[in-house]
Amino acid sequence: MFHEHRSAKINVRLIVILMVIAVALGASLVVARQVRRNILAARDLAAGQAAYDKADWPGAVRHLREYLGRKPDDIATLKKYGRAVLSVRPLEVSNIAGAISAYRRVIQVDPQDANAYTELAELYAAAGNAEELAYIARTRLEQDPNHLQAPLWLADALVRMNKTEEARQTLEPFIERLDALPEKPDR
């Protein structure tokens, strides 16, 4: 009987030791994976920046896309990727979609980024996507009701959607607001 009790104790110890080893091995694998991801991200960012600086747009797009796959919230790189993908020639629909995706991500990460809204509005206007242009204009107006371009984006989108009366209702208060300004904006 004494022998059976001791045997059970050894098995419990063995199980505990095996569990500790398994946890340590799992943790080391997670750490190793993260270190590898960071090394690959740094490599892709450096290669993407070098290609961007040399105006090698396809190379910049490839490397920056790889980097953003690992670090999707890097706003500066998202913007750089958007500019690079639009610089690839010939410009294709997939390039425009890539830039739109990048600038939409910038807005998700930083909803106050005015430049991302401007880039998106220009892309949607050029692509003729009135619904998305209206969405971006309204979203920008929610963020900054005094934004001077957003009412124009919204009116443009509404006209494209044959909602001229709504466009007029958008522009009238905007024009009144502009007339009331002591210094008129350049744009």
C-alpha atoms as a PDB file:
ATOM      1  CA  MET A   1       0.000   0.000   0.000  1.00  0.00           C
ATOM      2  CA  PHE A   2       2.814   2.408   0.827  1.00  0.00           C
ATOM      3  CA  HIS A   3       4.378   1.668  -2.549  1.00  0.00           C
ATOM      4  CA  GLU A   4       1.181   2.563  -4.460  1.00  0.00           C
ATOM      5  CA  HIS A   5       0.919   5.951  -2.728  1.00  0.00           C
ATOM      6  CA  ARG A   6       4.510   6.819  -3.573  1.00  0.00           C
ATOM      7  CA  SER A   7       3.998   5.806  -7.209  1.00  0.00           C
ATOM      8  CA  ALA A   8       1.037   8.187  -7.487  1.00  0.00           C
ATOM      9  CA  LYS A   9       3.154  11.024  -6.058  1.00  0.00           C
ATOM     10  CA  ILE A  10       5.856  10.476  -8.648  1.00  0.00           C
ATOM     11  CA  ASN A  11       3.299  10.576 -11.438  1.00  0.00           C
ATOM     12  CA  VAL A  12       1.866  13.868 -10.173  1.00  0.00           C
ATOM     13  CA  ARG A  13       5.342  15.380 -10.008  1.00  0.00           C
ATOM     14  CA  LEU A  14       6.088  14.111 -13.482  1.00  0.00           C
ATOM     15  CA  ILE A  15       2.875  15.602 -14.825  1.00  0.00           C
ATOM     16  CA  VAL A  16       3.609  18.950 -13.167  1.00  0.00           C
ATOM     17  CA  ILE A  17       7.147  18.962 -14.576  1.00  0.00           C
ATOM     18  CA  LEU A  18       5.874  18.109 -18.064  1.00  0.00           C
ATOM     19  CA  MET A  19       3.270  20.868 -17.849  1.00  0.00           C
ATOM     20  CA  VAL A  20       5.892  23.419 -16.799  1.00  0.00           C
ATOM     21  CA  ILE A  21       8.109  22.339 -19.689  1.00  0.00           C
ATOM     22  CA  ALA A  22       5.193  22.561 -22.131  1.00  0.00           C
ATOM     23  CA  VAL A  23       4.262  26.064 -20.934  1.00  0.00           C
ATOM     24  CA  ALA A  24       7.887  27.212 -21.133  1.00  0.00           C
ATOM     25  CA  LEU A  25       8.242  25.747 -24.624  1.00  0.00           C
ATOM     26  CA  GLY A  26       4.989  27.385 -25.752  1.00  0.00           C
ATOM     27  CA  ALA A  27       6.029  30.744 -24.340  1.00  0.00           C
ATOM     28  CA  SER A  28       9.427  30.544 -26.010  1.00  0.00           C
ATOM     29  CA  LEU A  29       7.774  29.744 -29.343  1.00  0.00           C
ATOM     30  CA  VAL A  30       5.482  32.766 -29.006  1.00  0.00           C
ATOM     31  CA  VAL A  31       8.428  35.005 -28.162  1.00  0.00           C
ATOM     32  CA  ALA A  32      10.490  33.595 -31.034  1.00  0.00           C
ATOM     33  CA  ARG A  33       7.617  34.178 -33.462  1.00  0.00           C
ATOM     34  CA  GLN A  34       7.235  37.768 -32.295  1.00  0.00           C
ATOM     35  CA  VAL A  35      10.969  38.419 -32.591  1.00  0.00           C
ATOM     36  CA  ARG A  36      10.944  36.949 -36.108  1.00  0.00           C
ATOM     37  CA  ARG A  37       7.935  39.106 -37.076  1.00  0.00           C
ATOM     38  CA  ASN A  38       9.688  42.210 -35.767  1.00  0.00           C
ATOM     39  CA  ILE A  39      12.871  41.390 -37.696  1.00  0.00           C
ATOM     40  CA  LEU A  40      10.920  40.784 -40.916  1.00  0.00           C
ATOM     41  CA  ALA A  41       8.877  43.957 -40.385  1.00  0.00           C
ATOM     42  CA  ALA A  42      12.012  46.041 -39.864  1.00  0.00           C
ATOM     43  CA  ARG A  43      13.583  44.529 -42.975  1.00  0.00           C
ATOM     44  CA  ASP A  44      10.495  45.230 -45.093  1.00  0.00           C
ATOM     45  CA  LEU A  45      10.179  48.773 -43.758  1.00  0.00           C
ATOM     46  CA  ALA A  46      13.829  49.538 -44.571  1.00  0.00           C
ATOM     47  CA  ALA A  47      13.537  48.017 -48.053  1.00  0.00           C
ATOM     48  CA  GLY A  48      10.245  49.823 -48.657  1.00  0.00           C
ATOM     49  CA  GLN A  49      11.713  53.153 -47.560  1.00  0.00           C
ATOM     50  CA  ALA A  50      14.761  52.653 -49.783  1.00  0.00           C
ATOM     51  CA  ALA A  51      12.567  51.813 -52.785  1.00  0.00           C
ATOM     52  CA  TYR A  52      10.303  54.778 -51.994  1.00  0.00           C
ATOM     53  CA  ASP A  53      13.288  57.133 -51.836  1.00  0.00           C
ATOM     54  CA  LYS A  54      14.476  55.856 -55.255  1.00  0.00           C
ATOM     55  CA  ALA A  55      10.948  56.190 -56.715  1.00  0.00           C
ATOM     56  CA  ASP A  56      10.886  52.426 -57.312  1.00  0.00           C
ATOM     57  CA  TRP A  57       7.134  52.368 -56.815  1.00  0.00           C
ATOM     58  CA  PRO A  58       6.460  48.658 -57.418  1.00  0.00           C
ATOM     59  CA  GLY A  59       9.255  47.733 -54.988  1.00  0.00           C
ATOM     60  CA  ALA A  60       8.053  50.261 -52.434  1.00  0.00           C
ATOM     61  CA  VAL A  61       4.495  48.962 -52.686  1.00  0.00           C
ATOM     62  CA  ARG A  62       5.604  45.337 -52.297  1.00  0.00           C
ATOM     63  CA  HIS A  63       7.784  45.935 -49.242  1.00  0.00           C
ATOM     64  CA  LEU A  64       5.469  48.422 -47.557  1.00  0.00           C
ATOM     65  CA  ARG A  65       2.535  46.031 -48.056  1.00  0.00           C
ATOM     66  CA  GLU A  66       4.541  43.264 -46.365  1.00  0.00           C
ATOM     67  CA  TYR A  67       5.417  45.587 -43.501  1.00  0.00           C
ATOM     68  CA  LEU A  68       1.798  46.715 -43.079  1.00  0.00           C
ATOM     69  CA  GLY A  69       0.733  43.080 -42.975  1.00  0.00           C
ATOM     70  CA  ARG A  70       2.689  42.856 -39.735  1.00  0.00           C
ATOM     71  CA  LYS A  71       2.188  46.412 -38.423  1.00  0.00           C
ATOM     72  CA  PRO A  72      -1.200  47.560 -39.796  1.00  0.00           C
ATOM     73  CA  ASP A  73      -1.572  50.609 -37.530  1.00  0.00           C
ATOM     74  CA  ASP A  74       1.548  52.530 -38.587  1.00  0.00           C
ATOM     75  CA  ILE A  75      -0.081  55.720 -39.861  1.00  0.00           C
ATOM     76  CA  ALA A  76       3.030  57.208 -41.480  1.00  0.00           C
ATOM     77  CA  THR A  77       3.671  54.008 -43.421  1.00  0.00           C
ATOM     78  CA  LEU A  78      -0.001  53.708 -44.411  1.00  0.00           C
ATOM     79  CA  LYS A  79       0.179  57.196 -45.927  1.00  0.00           C
ATOM     80  CA  LYS A  80       3.456  56.420 -47.645  1.00  0.00           C
ATOM     81  CA  TYR A  81       1.960  53.200 -49.018  1.00  0.00           C
ATOM     82  CA  GLY A  82      -1.054  55.152 -50.310  1.00  0.00           C
ATOM     83  CA  ARG A  83       1.208  57.602 -52.153  1.00  0.00           C
ATOM     84  CA  ALA A  84       3.412  54.822 -53.518  1.00  0.00           C
ATOM     85  CA  VAL A  85       0.546  52.701 -54.800  1.00  0.00           C
ATOM     86  CA  LEU A  86      -0.890  55.722 -56.628  1.00  0.00           C
ATOM     87  CA  SER A  87       2.517  56.408 -58.193  1.00  0.00           C
ATOM     88  CA  VAL A  88       2.757  52.998 -59.890  1.00  0.00           C
ATOM     89  CA  ARG A  89       2.313  53.329 -63.648  1.00  0.00           C
ATOM     90  CA  PRO A  90       0.183  52.412 -65.388  1.00  0.00           C
ATOM     91  CA  LEU A  91      -2.377  53.272 -62.749  1.00  0.00           C
ATOM     92  CA  GLU A  92      -4.876  50.460 -62.391  1.00  0.00           C
ATOM     93  CA  VAL A  93      -8.109  50.034 -60.470  1.00  0.00           C
ATOM     94  CA  SER A  94      -6.339  47.756 -57.983  1.00  0.00           C
ATOM     95  CA  ASN A  95      -3.890  50.581 -57.225  1.00  0.00           C
ATOM     96  CA  ILE A  96      -6.721  52.967 -56.449  1.00  0.00           C
ATOM     97  CA  ALA A  97      -8.376  50.311 -54.275  1.00  0.00           C
ATOM     98  CA  GLY A  98      -5.084  49.805 -52.405  1.00  0.00           C
ATOM     99  CA  ALA A  99      -4.745  53.533 -51.745  1.00  0.00           C
ATOM    100  CA  ILE A 100      -8.356  53.765 -50.613  1.00  0.00           C
ATOM    101  CA  SER A 101      -7.810  50.849 -48.254  1.00  0.00           C
ATOM    102  CA  ALA A 102      -4.708  52.498 -46.793  1.00  0.00           C
ATOM    103  CA  TYR A 103      -6.383  55.856 -46.203  1.00  0.00           C
ATOM    104  CA  ARG A 104      -9.482  54.200 -44.742  1.00  0.00           C
ATOM    105  CA  ARG A 105      -7.209  52.412 -42.283  1.00  0.00           C
ATOM    106  CA  VAL A 106      -5.590  55.744 -41.372  1.00  0.00           C
ATOM    107  CA  ILE A 107      -9.036  57.111 -40.530  1.00  0.00           C
ATOM    108  CA  GLN A 108      -9.826  54.035 -38.437  1.00  0.00           C
ATOM    109  CA  VAL A 109      -6.628  54.471 -36.448  1.00  0.00           C
ATOM    110  CA  ASP A 110      -6.796  58.292 -36.275  1.00  0.00           C
ATOM    111  CA  PRO A 111     -10.273  59.679 -37.032  1.00  0.00           C
ATOM    112  CA  GLN A 112      -8.927  63.247 -36.727  1.00  0.00           C
ATOM    113  CA  ASP A 113      -6.438  62.931 -39.636  1.00  0.00           C
ATOM    114  CA  ALA A 114      -7.680  65.631 -42.035  1.00  0.00           C
ATOM    115  CA  ASN A 115      -5.243  64.678 -44.813  1.00  0.00           C
ATOM    116  CA  ALA A 116      -6.593  61.141 -45.008  1.00  0.00           C
ATOM    117  CA  TYR A 117     -10.115  62.498 -45.533  1.00  0.00           C
ATOM    118  CA  THR A 118      -8.849  64.779 -48.295  1.00  0.00           C
ATOM    119  CA  GLU A 119      -7.038  61.925 -50.029  1.00  0.00           C
ATOM    120  CA  LEU A 120     -10.107  59.697 -49.795  1.00  0.00           C
ATOM    121  CA  ALA A 121     -12.418  62.417 -51.083  1.00  0.00           C
ATOM    122  CA  GLU A 122     -10.170  63.002 -54.093  1.00  0.00           C
ATOM    123  CA  LEU A 123      -9.945  59.272 -54.800  1.00  0.00           C
ATOM    124  CA  TYR A 124     -13.686  58.724 -54.515  1.00  0.00           C
ATOM    125  CA  ALA A 125     -14.424  61.778 -56.661  1.00  0.00           C
ATOM    126  CA  ALA A 126     -11.960  60.623 -59.326  1.00  0.00           C
ATOM    127  CA  ALA A 127     -13.390  57.103 -59.251  1.00  0.00           C
ATOM    128  CA  GLY A 128     -16.939  58.450 -59.453  1.00  0.00           C
ATOM    129  CA  ASN A 129     -17.982  56.742 -56.221  1.00  0.00           C
ATOM    130  CA  ALA A 130     -20.542  59.289 -55.033  1.00  0.00           C
ATOM    131  CA  GLU A 131     -21.889  57.206 -52.147  1.00  0.00           C
ATOM    132  CA  GLU A 132     -18.479  56.821 -50.524  1.00  0.00           C
ATOM    133  CA  LEU A 133     -17.642  60.462 -51.244  1.00  0.00           C
ATOM    134  CA  ALA A 134     -20.810  61.486 -49.402  1.00  0.00           C
ATOM    135  CA  TYR A 135     -19.951  59.155 -46.521  1.00  0.00           C
ATOM    136  CA  ILE A 136     -16.442  60.616 -46.193  1.00  0.00           C
ATOM    137  CA  ALA A 137     -17.785  64.174 -46.385  1.00  0.00           C
ATOM    138  CA  ARG A 138     -20.380  63.524 -43.692  1.00  0.00           C
ATOM    139  CA  THR A 139     -17.870  61.741 -41.489  1.00  0.00           C
ATOM    140  CA  ARG A 140     -15.432  64.635 -41.832  1.00  0.00           C
ATOM    141  CA  LEU A 141     -18.163  67.120 -40.980  1.00  0.00           C
ATOM    142  CA  GLU A 142     -18.962  65.112 -37.859  1.00  0.00           C
ATOM    143  CA  GLN A 143     -15.292  65.311 -36.861  1.00  0.00           C
ATOM    144  CA  ASP A 144     -14.891  68.965 -37.828  1.00  0.00           C
ATOM    145  CA  PRO A 145     -18.105  70.895 -38.598  1.00  0.00           C
ATOM    146  CA  ASN A 146     -16.035  73.907 -39.735  1.00  0.00           C
ATOM    147  CA  HIS A 147     -14.070  72.010 -42.371  1.00  0.00           C
ATOM    148  CA  LEU A 148     -14.176  74.100 -45.527  1.00  0.00           C
ATOM    149  CA  GLN A 149     -13.900  71.361 -48.153  1.00  0.00           C
ATOM    150  CA  ALA A 150     -16.259  68.732 -46.718  1.00  0.00           C
ATOM    151  CA  PRO A 151     -19.488  70.596 -47.650  1.00  0.00           C
ATOM    152  CA  LEU A 152     -18.176  70.866 -51.197  1.00  0.00           C
ATOM    153  CA  TRP A 153     -17.416  67.139 -51.262  1.00  0.00           C
ATOM    154  CA  LEU A 154     -20.892  66.409 -49.966  1.00  0.00           C
ATOM    155  CA  ALA A 155     -22.574  68.691 -52.503  1.00  0.00           C
ATOM    156  CA  ASP A 156     -20.516  67.125 -55.316  1.00  0.00           C
ATOM    157  CA  ALA A 157     -21.554  63.643 -54.198  1.00  0.00           C
ATOM    158  CA  LEU A 158     -25.201  64.632 -53.901  1.00  0.00           C
ATOM    159  CA  VAL A 159     -25.227  66.141 -57.389  1.00  0.00           C
ATOM    160  CA  ARG A 160     -23.669  62.957 -58.767  1.00  0.00           C
ATOM    161  CA  MET A 161     -26.473  60.994 -57.073  1.00  0.00           C
ATOM    162  CA  ASN A 162     -29.081  63.352 -58.627  1.00  0.00           C
ATOM    163  CA  LYS A 163     -29.983  64.813 -55.234  1.00  0.00           C
ATOM    164  CA  THR A 164     -29.675  68.422 -56.350  1.00  0.00           C
ATOM    165  CA  GLU A 165     -32.127  69.843 -53.801  1.00  0.00           C
ATOM    166  CA  GLU A 166     -30.176  68.251 -50.948  1.00  0.00           C
ATOM    167  CA  ALA A 167     -26.950  69.587 -52.501  1.00  0.00           C
ATOM    168  CA  ARG A 168     -28.459  73.084 -52.590  1.00  0.00           C
ATOM    169  CA  GLN A 169     -29.499  72.753 -48.935  1.00  0.00           C
ATOM    170  CA  THR A 170     -25.924  71.747 -48.103  1.00  0.00           C
ATOM    171  CA  LEU A 171     -24.343  74.634 -50.006  1.00  0.00           C
ATOM    172  CA  GLU A 172     -26.588  77.518 -48.923  1.00  0.00           C
ATOM    173  CA  PRO A 173     -25.528  77.565 -45.242  1.00  0.00           C
ATOM    174  CA  PHE A 174     -21.943  76.912 -46.322  1.00  0.00           C
ATOM    175  CA  ILE A 175     -21.967  79.951 -48.633  1.00  0.00           C
ATOM    176  CA  GLU A 176     -23.523  82.080 -45.887  1.00  0.00           C
ATOM    177  CA  ARG A 177     -20.791  80.940 -43.517  1.00  0.00           C
ATOM    178  CA  LEU A 178     -18.114  81.839 -46.079  1.00  0.00           C
ATOM    179  CA  ASP A 179     -19.641  85.264 -46.664  1.00  0.00           C
ATOM    180  CA  ALA A 180     -19.511  85.925 -42.915  1.00  0.00           C
ATOM    181  CA  LEU A 181     -15.787  85.199 -42.674  1.00  0.00           C
ATOM    182  CA  PRO A 182     -13.614  88.329 -42.362  1.00  0.00           C
ATOM    183  CA  GLU A 183     -10.857  86.697 -44.422  1.00  0.00           C
ATOM    184  CA  LYS A 184     -11.885  84.558 -47.344  1.00  0.00           C
ATOM    185  CA  PRO A 185     -10.147  81.177 -47.752  1.00  0.00           C
ATOM    186  CA  ASP A 186      -7.763  80.684 -50.669  1.00  0.00           C
ATOM    187  CA  ARG A 187      -9.441  77.525 -51.897  1.00  0.00           C
END
